[in-house]
Amino acid sequence: MATTSTKRIGRESENKGTYLTRENWEVMKPFVHFAFKAIAVIGSITWSIIKFAPKLLAHKPEEK
């Protein structure tokens, strides 16, 4: 009787359990840099709004 090998569907790669590889980092690197820059811009805009808001309210004329 001849032995037959069965094929497995969805065969795992050799690096099972390794999610961070150099290839993945090279693909995701531009997105990570963009995210950091976007967070910095949003933070600086928020800081500017919070910083200047009391000054704008101080110059508001009082109604009598």
PDB file of N, CA and C in Angstrom:
ATOM      1  N   MET A   1       0.837  -1.167   0.000  1.00  0.00           N
ATOM      2  CA  MET A   1       0.000   0.000   0.000  1.00  0.00           C
ATOM      3  C   MET A   1       0.895   1.247   0.000  1.00  0.00           C
ATOM      4  N   ALA A   2       0.616   2.119  -0.913  1.00  0.00           N
ATOM      5  CA  ALA A   2       1.416   3.322  -1.036  1.00  0.00           C
ATOM      6  C   ALA A   2       0.905   4.382  -0.053  1.00  0.00           C
ATOM      7  N   THR A   3       1.845   5.084   0.524  1.00  0.00           N
ATOM      8  CA  THR A   3       1.449   6.148   1.461  1.00  0.00           C
ATOM      9  C   THR A   3       1.274   7.440   0.680  1.00  0.00           C
ATOM     10  N   THR A   4       0.272   8.174   1.030  1.00  0.00           N
ATOM     11  CA  THR A   4       0.021   9.461   0.377  1.00  0.00           C
ATOM     12  C   THR A   4       0.146  10.560   1.421  1.00  0.00           C
ATOM     13  N   SER A   5       0.677  11.645   0.995  1.00  0.00           N
ATOM     14  CA  SER A   5       0.793  12.782   1.912  1.00  0.00           C
ATOM     15  C   SER A   5      -0.416  13.689   1.700  1.00  0.00           C
ATOM     16  N   THR A   6      -0.931  14.161   2.785  1.00  0.00           N
ATOM     17  CA  THR A   6      -2.088  15.058   2.701  1.00  0.00           C
ATOM     18  C   THR A   6      -1.606  16.496   2.766  1.00  0.00           C
ATOM     19  N   LYS A   7      -2.241  17.324   2.002  1.00  0.00           N
ATOM     20  CA  LYS A   7      -1.899  18.737   2.006  1.00  0.00           C
ATOM     21  C   LYS A   7      -2.739  19.444   3.067  1.00  0.00           C
ATOM     22  N   ARG A   8      -2.105  20.330   3.786  1.00  0.00           N
ATOM     23  CA  ARG A   8      -2.811  21.097   4.800  1.00  0.00           C
ATOM     24  C   ARG A   8      -3.154  22.467   4.253  1.00  0.00           C
ATOM     25  N   ILE A   9      -4.385  22.858   4.415  1.00  0.00           N
ATOM     26  CA  ILE A   9      -4.831  24.183   3.966  1.00  0.00           C
ATOM     27  C   ILE A   9      -4.461  25.193   5.042  1.00  0.00           C
ATOM     28  N   GLY A  10      -3.952  26.340   4.624  1.00  0.00           N
ATOM     29  CA  GLY A  10      -3.575  27.377   5.566  1.00  0.00           C
ATOM     30  C   GLY A  10      -2.336  27.028   6.356  1.00  0.00           C
ATOM     31  N   ARG A  11      -1.354  26.512   5.709  1.00  0.00           N
ATOM     32  CA  ARG A  11      -0.114  26.100   6.366  1.00  0.00           C
ATOM     33  C   ARG A  11       0.577  27.331   6.961  1.00  0.00           C
ATOM     34  N   GLU A  12       1.030  27.203   8.187  1.00  0.00           N
ATOM     35  CA  GLU A  12       1.697  28.304   8.893  1.00  0.00           C
ATOM     36  C   GLU A  12       3.109  28.490   8.344  1.00  0.00           C
ATOM     37  N   SER A  13       3.612  29.694   8.458  1.00  0.00           N
ATOM     38  CA  SER A  13       4.980  29.943   8.011  1.00  0.00           C
ATOM     39  C   SER A  13       5.962  29.487   9.090  1.00  0.00           C
ATOM     40  N   GLU A  14       7.237  29.561   8.780  1.00  0.00           N
ATOM     41  CA  GLU A  14       8.258  29.126   9.721  1.00  0.00           C
ATOM     42  C   GLU A  14       8.326  30.030  10.944  1.00  0.00           C
ATOM     43  N   ASN A  15       8.031  31.317  10.769  1.00  0.00           N
ATOM     44  CA  ASN A  15       8.113  32.274  11.870  1.00  0.00           C
ATOM     45  C   ASN A  15       6.769  32.359  12.586  1.00  0.00           C
ATOM     46  N   LYS A  16       6.320  31.266  13.101  1.00  0.00           N
ATOM     47  CA  LYS A  16       5.031  31.238  13.774  1.00  0.00           C
ATOM     48  C   LYS A  16       5.110  32.028  15.076  1.00  0.00           C
ATOM     49  N   GLY A  17       4.202  32.966  15.248  1.00  0.00           N
ATOM     50  CA  GLY A  17       4.165  33.757  16.461  1.00  0.00           C
ATOM     51  C   GLY A  17       4.990  35.023  16.412  1.00  0.00           C
ATOM     52  N   THR A  18       5.734  35.267  15.349  1.00  0.00           N
ATOM     53  CA  THR A  18       6.512  36.495  15.236  1.00  0.00           C
ATOM     54  C   THR A  18       5.737  37.485  14.383  1.00  0.00           C
ATOM     55  N   TYR A  19       5.289  38.526  15.020  1.00  0.00           N
ATOM     56  CA  TYR A  19       4.500  39.517  14.293  1.00  0.00           C
ATOM     57  C   TYR A  19       5.360  40.682  13.832  1.00  0.00           C
ATOM     58  N   LEU A  20       6.414  40.994  14.546  1.00  0.00           N
ATOM     59  CA  LEU A  20       7.252  42.121  14.199  1.00  0.00           C
ATOM     60  C   LEU A  20       8.484  41.632  13.452  1.00  0.00           C
ATOM     61  N   THR A  21       8.464  41.805  12.167  1.00  0.00           N
ATOM     62  CA  THR A  21       9.622  41.451  11.363  1.00  0.00           C
ATOM     63  C   THR A  21      10.107  42.703  10.661  1.00  0.00           C
ATOM     64  N   ARG A  22      11.253  42.628  10.087  1.00  0.00           N
ATOM     65  CA  ARG A  22      11.825  43.797   9.396  1.00  0.00           C
ATOM     66  C   ARG A  22      10.949  44.189   8.206  1.00  0.00           C
ATOM     67  N   GLU A  23      10.420  43.216   7.521  1.00  0.00           N
ATOM     68  CA  GLU A  23       9.573  43.513   6.373  1.00  0.00           C
ATOM     69  C   GLU A  23       8.304  44.261   6.797  1.00  0.00           C
ATOM     70  N   ASN A  24       7.696  43.832   7.892  1.00  0.00           N
ATOM     71  CA  ASN A  24       6.505  44.529   8.385  1.00  0.00           C
ATOM     72  C   ASN A  24       6.828  45.956   8.776  1.00  0.00           C
ATOM     73  N   TRP A  25       7.975  46.165   9.430  1.00  0.00           N
ATOM     74  CA  TRP A  25       8.348  47.515   9.848  1.00  0.00           C
ATOM     75  C   TRP A  25       8.590  48.408   8.635  1.00  0.00           C
ATOM     76  N   GLU A  26       9.218  47.888   7.602  1.00  0.00           N
ATOM     77  CA  GLU A  26       9.471  48.685   6.404  1.00  0.00           C
ATOM     78  C   GLU A  26       8.161  49.115   5.739  1.00  0.00           C
ATOM     79  N   VAL A  27       7.141  48.281   5.815  1.00  0.00           N
ATOM     80  CA  VAL A  27       5.849  48.625   5.221  1.00  0.00           C
ATOM     81  C   VAL A  27       5.130  49.665   6.074  1.00  0.00           C
ATOM     82  N   MET A  28       5.172  49.507   7.397  1.00  0.00           N
ATOM     83  CA  MET A  28       4.399  50.357   8.294  1.00  0.00           C
ATOM     84  C   MET A  28       5.106  51.652   8.682  1.00  0.00           C
ATOM     85  N   LYS A  29       6.388  51.764   8.407  1.00  0.00           N
ATOM     86  CA  LYS A  29       7.180  52.920   8.837  1.00  0.00           C
ATOM     87  C   LYS A  29       6.603  54.261   8.378  1.00  0.00           C
ATOM     88  N   PRO A  30       6.191  54.444   7.125  1.00  0.00           N
ATOM     89  CA  PRO A  30       5.619  55.738   6.725  1.00  0.00           C
ATOM     90  C   PRO A  30       4.324  56.063   7.472  1.00  0.00           C
ATOM     91  N   PHE A  31       3.528  55.060   7.753  1.00  0.00           N
ATOM     92  CA  PHE A  31       2.275  55.301   8.469  1.00  0.00           C
ATOM     93  C   PHE A  31       2.533  55.695   9.921  1.00  0.00           C
ATOM     94  N   VAL A  32       3.536  55.099  10.534  1.00  0.00           N
ATOM     95  CA  VAL A  32       3.881  55.430  11.913  1.00  0.00           C
ATOM     96  C   VAL A  32       4.407  56.861  11.986  1.00  0.00           C
ATOM     97  N   HIS A  33       5.258  57.237  11.056  1.00  0.00           N
ATOM     98  CA  HIS A  33       5.781  58.599  11.032  1.00  0.00           C
ATOM     99  C   HIS A  33       4.654  59.602  10.806  1.00  0.00           C
ATOM    100  N   PHE A  34       3.739  59.302   9.908  1.00  0.00           N
ATOM    101  CA  PHE A  34       2.610  60.192   9.663  1.00  0.00           C
ATOM    102  C   PHE A  34       1.749  60.335  10.910  1.00  0.00           C
ATOM    103  N   ALA A  35       1.523  59.238  11.614  1.00  0.00           N
ATOM    104  CA  ALA A  35       0.696  59.286  12.821  1.00  0.00           C
ATOM    105  C   ALA A  35       1.345  60.159  13.887  1.00  0.00           C
ATOM    106  N   PHE A  36       2.652  60.032  14.094  1.00  0.00           N
ATOM    107  CA  PHE A  36       3.334  60.859  15.088  1.00  0.00           C
ATOM    108  C   PHE A  36       3.271  62.338  14.720  1.00  0.00           C
ATOM    109  N   LYS A  37       3.456  62.644  13.449  1.00  0.00           N
ATOM    110  CA  LYS A  37       3.391  64.043  13.022  1.00  0.00           C
ATOM    111  C   LYS A  37       1.972  64.591  13.152  1.00  0.00           C
ATOM    112  N   ALA A  38       0.975  63.778  12.825  1.00  0.00           N
ATOM    113  CA  ALA A  38      -0.416  64.221  12.949  1.00  0.00           C
ATOM    114  C   ALA A  38      -0.781  64.465  14.409  1.00  0.00           C
ATOM    115  N   ILE A  39      -0.332  63.607  15.306  1.00  0.00           N
ATOM    116  CA  ILE A  39      -0.597  63.802  16.732  1.00  0.00           C
ATOM    117  C   ILE A  39       0.089  65.068  17.230  1.00  0.00           C
ATOM    118  N   ALA A  40       1.290  65.340  16.759  1.00  0.00           N
ATOM    119  CA  ALA A  40       2.004  66.551  17.164  1.00  0.00           C
ATOM    120  C   ALA A  40       1.272  67.802  16.681  1.00  0.00           C
ATOM    121  N   VAL A  41       0.769  67.785  15.458  1.00  0.00           N
ATOM    122  CA  VAL A  41       0.047  68.940  14.923  1.00  0.00           C
ATOM    123  C   VAL A  41      -1.252  69.158  15.688  1.00  0.00           C
ATOM    124  N   ILE A  42      -1.995  68.089  15.935  1.00  0.00           N
ATOM    125  CA  ILE A  42      -3.250  68.216  16.678  1.00  0.00           C
ATOM    126  C   ILE A  42      -2.984  68.709  18.094  1.00  0.00           C
ATOM    127  N   GLY A  43      -1.928  68.223  18.718  1.00  0.00           N
ATOM    128  CA  GLY A  43      -1.576  68.673  20.060  1.00  0.00           C
ATOM    129  C   GLY A  43      -1.199  70.140  20.097  1.00  0.00           C
ATOM    130  N   SER A  44      -0.415  70.600  19.123  1.00  0.00           N
ATOM    131  CA  SER A  44      -0.015  72.015  19.108  1.00  0.00           C
ATOM    132  C   SER A  44      -1.210  72.923  18.839  1.00  0.00           C
ATOM    133  N   ILE A  45      -2.119  72.494  17.974  1.00  0.00           N
ATOM    134  CA  ILE A  45      -3.316  73.293  17.724  1.00  0.00           C
ATOM    135  C   ILE A  45      -4.183  73.365  18.972  1.00  0.00           C
ATOM    136  N   THR A  46      -4.343  72.242  19.649  1.00  0.00           N
ATOM    137  CA  THR A  46      -5.131  72.226  20.884  1.00  0.00           C
ATOM    138  C   THR A  46      -4.479  73.108  21.944  1.00  0.00           C
ATOM    139  N   TRP A  47      -3.157  73.024  22.083  1.00  0.00           N
ATOM    140  CA  TRP A  47      -2.445  73.846  23.046  1.00  0.00           C
ATOM    141  C   TRP A  47      -2.626  75.339  22.729  1.00  0.00           C
ATOM    142  N   SER A  48      -2.571  75.707  21.457  1.00  0.00           N
ATOM    143  CA  SER A  48      -2.754  77.104  21.075  1.00  0.00           C
ATOM    144  C   SER A  48      -4.158  77.593  21.415  1.00  0.00           C
ATOM    145  N   ILE A  49      -5.156  76.782  21.165  1.00  0.00           N
ATOM    146  CA  ILE A  49      -6.535  77.175  21.468  1.00  0.00           C
ATOM    147  C   ILE A  49      -6.706  77.354  22.972  1.00  0.00           C
ATOM    148  N   ILE A  50      -6.187  76.429  23.755  1.00  0.00           N
ATOM    149  CA  ILE A  50      -6.314  76.525  25.216  1.00  0.00           C
ATOM    150  C   ILE A  50      -5.525  77.714  25.745  1.00  0.00           C
ATOM    151  N   LYS A  51      -4.387  77.988  25.172  1.00  0.00           N
ATOM    152  CA  LYS A  51      -3.524  79.072  25.633  1.00  0.00           C
ATOM    153  C   LYS A  51      -4.130  80.450  25.343  1.00  0.00           C
ATOM    154  N   PHE A  52      -4.759  80.624  24.185  1.00  0.00           N
ATOM    155  CA  PHE A  52      -5.278  81.932  23.794  1.00  0.00           C
ATOM    156  C   PHE A  52      -6.725  82.164  24.203  1.00  0.00           C
ATOM    157  N   ALA A  53      -7.446  81.156  24.612  1.00  0.00           N
ATOM    158  CA  ALA A  53      -8.855  81.314  24.969  1.00  0.00           C
ATOM    159  C   ALA A  53      -9.062  82.275  26.142  1.00  0.00           C
ATOM    160  N   PRO A  54      -8.299  82.195  27.240  1.00  0.00           N
ATOM    161  CA  PRO A  54      -8.518  83.160  28.320  1.00  0.00           C
ATOM    162  C   PRO A  54      -8.234  84.603  27.907  1.00  0.00           C
ATOM    163  N   LYS A  55      -7.263  84.813  27.033  1.00  0.00           N
ATOM    164  CA  LYS A  55      -6.964  86.168  26.569  1.00  0.00           C
ATOM    165  C   LYS A  55      -8.123  86.730  25.765  1.00  0.00           C
ATOM    166  N   LEU A  56      -8.768  85.914  24.969  1.00  0.00           N
ATOM    167  CA  LEU A  56      -9.896  86.389  24.186  1.00  0.00           C
ATOM    168  C   LEU A  56     -11.078  86.729  25.084  1.00  0.00           C
ATOM    169  N   LEU A  57     -11.292  85.969  26.134  1.00  0.00           N
ATOM    170  CA  LEU A  57     -12.379  86.239  27.056  1.00  0.00           C
ATOM    171  C   LEU A  57     -12.104  87.454  27.926  1.00  0.00           C
ATOM    172  N   ALA A  58     -10.845  87.778  28.220  1.00  0.00           N
ATOM    173  CA  ALA A  58     -10.501  88.924  29.053  1.00  0.00           C
ATOM    174  C   ALA A  58     -10.795  90.230  28.326  1.00  0.00           C
ATOM    175  N   HIS A  59     -10.699  90.283  27.011  1.00  0.00           N
ATOM    176  CA  HIS A  59     -10.934  91.502  26.241  1.00  0.00           C
ATOM    177  C   HIS A  59     -12.388  91.689  25.851  1.00  0.00           C
ATOM    178  N   LYS A  60     -13.226  90.812  26.294  1.00  0.00           N
ATOM    179  CA  LYS A  60     -14.650  90.906  25.957  1.00  0.00           C
ATOM    180  C   LYS A  60     -15.262  92.073  26.740  1.00  0.00           C
ATOM    181  N   PRO A  61     -15.925  93.004  26.054  1.00  0.00           N
ATOM    182  CA  PRO A  61     -16.523  94.148  26.765  1.00  0.00           C
ATOM    183  C   PRO A  61     -17.705  93.684  27.643  1.00  0.00           C
ATOM    184  N   GLU A  62     -17.775  94.314  28.805  1.00  0.00           N
ATOM    185  CA  GLU A  62     -18.870  93.960  29.724  1.00  0.00           C
ATOM    186  C   GLU A  62     -20.127  94.720  29.331  1.00  0.00           C
ATOM    187  N   GLU A  63     -21.231  94.043  29.409  1.00  0.00           N
ATOM    188  CA  GLU A  63     -22.516  94.679  29.094  1.00  0.00           C
ATOM    189  C   GLU A  63     -23.142  95.170  30.384  1.00  0.00           C
ATOM    190  N   LYS A  64     -23.634  96.433  30.375  1.00  0.00           N
ATOM    191  CA  LYS A  64     -24.248  97.010  31.568  1.00  0.00           C
ATOM    192  C   LYS A  64     -25.683  97.388  31.297  1.00  0.00           C
TER     193      LYS A  64
END
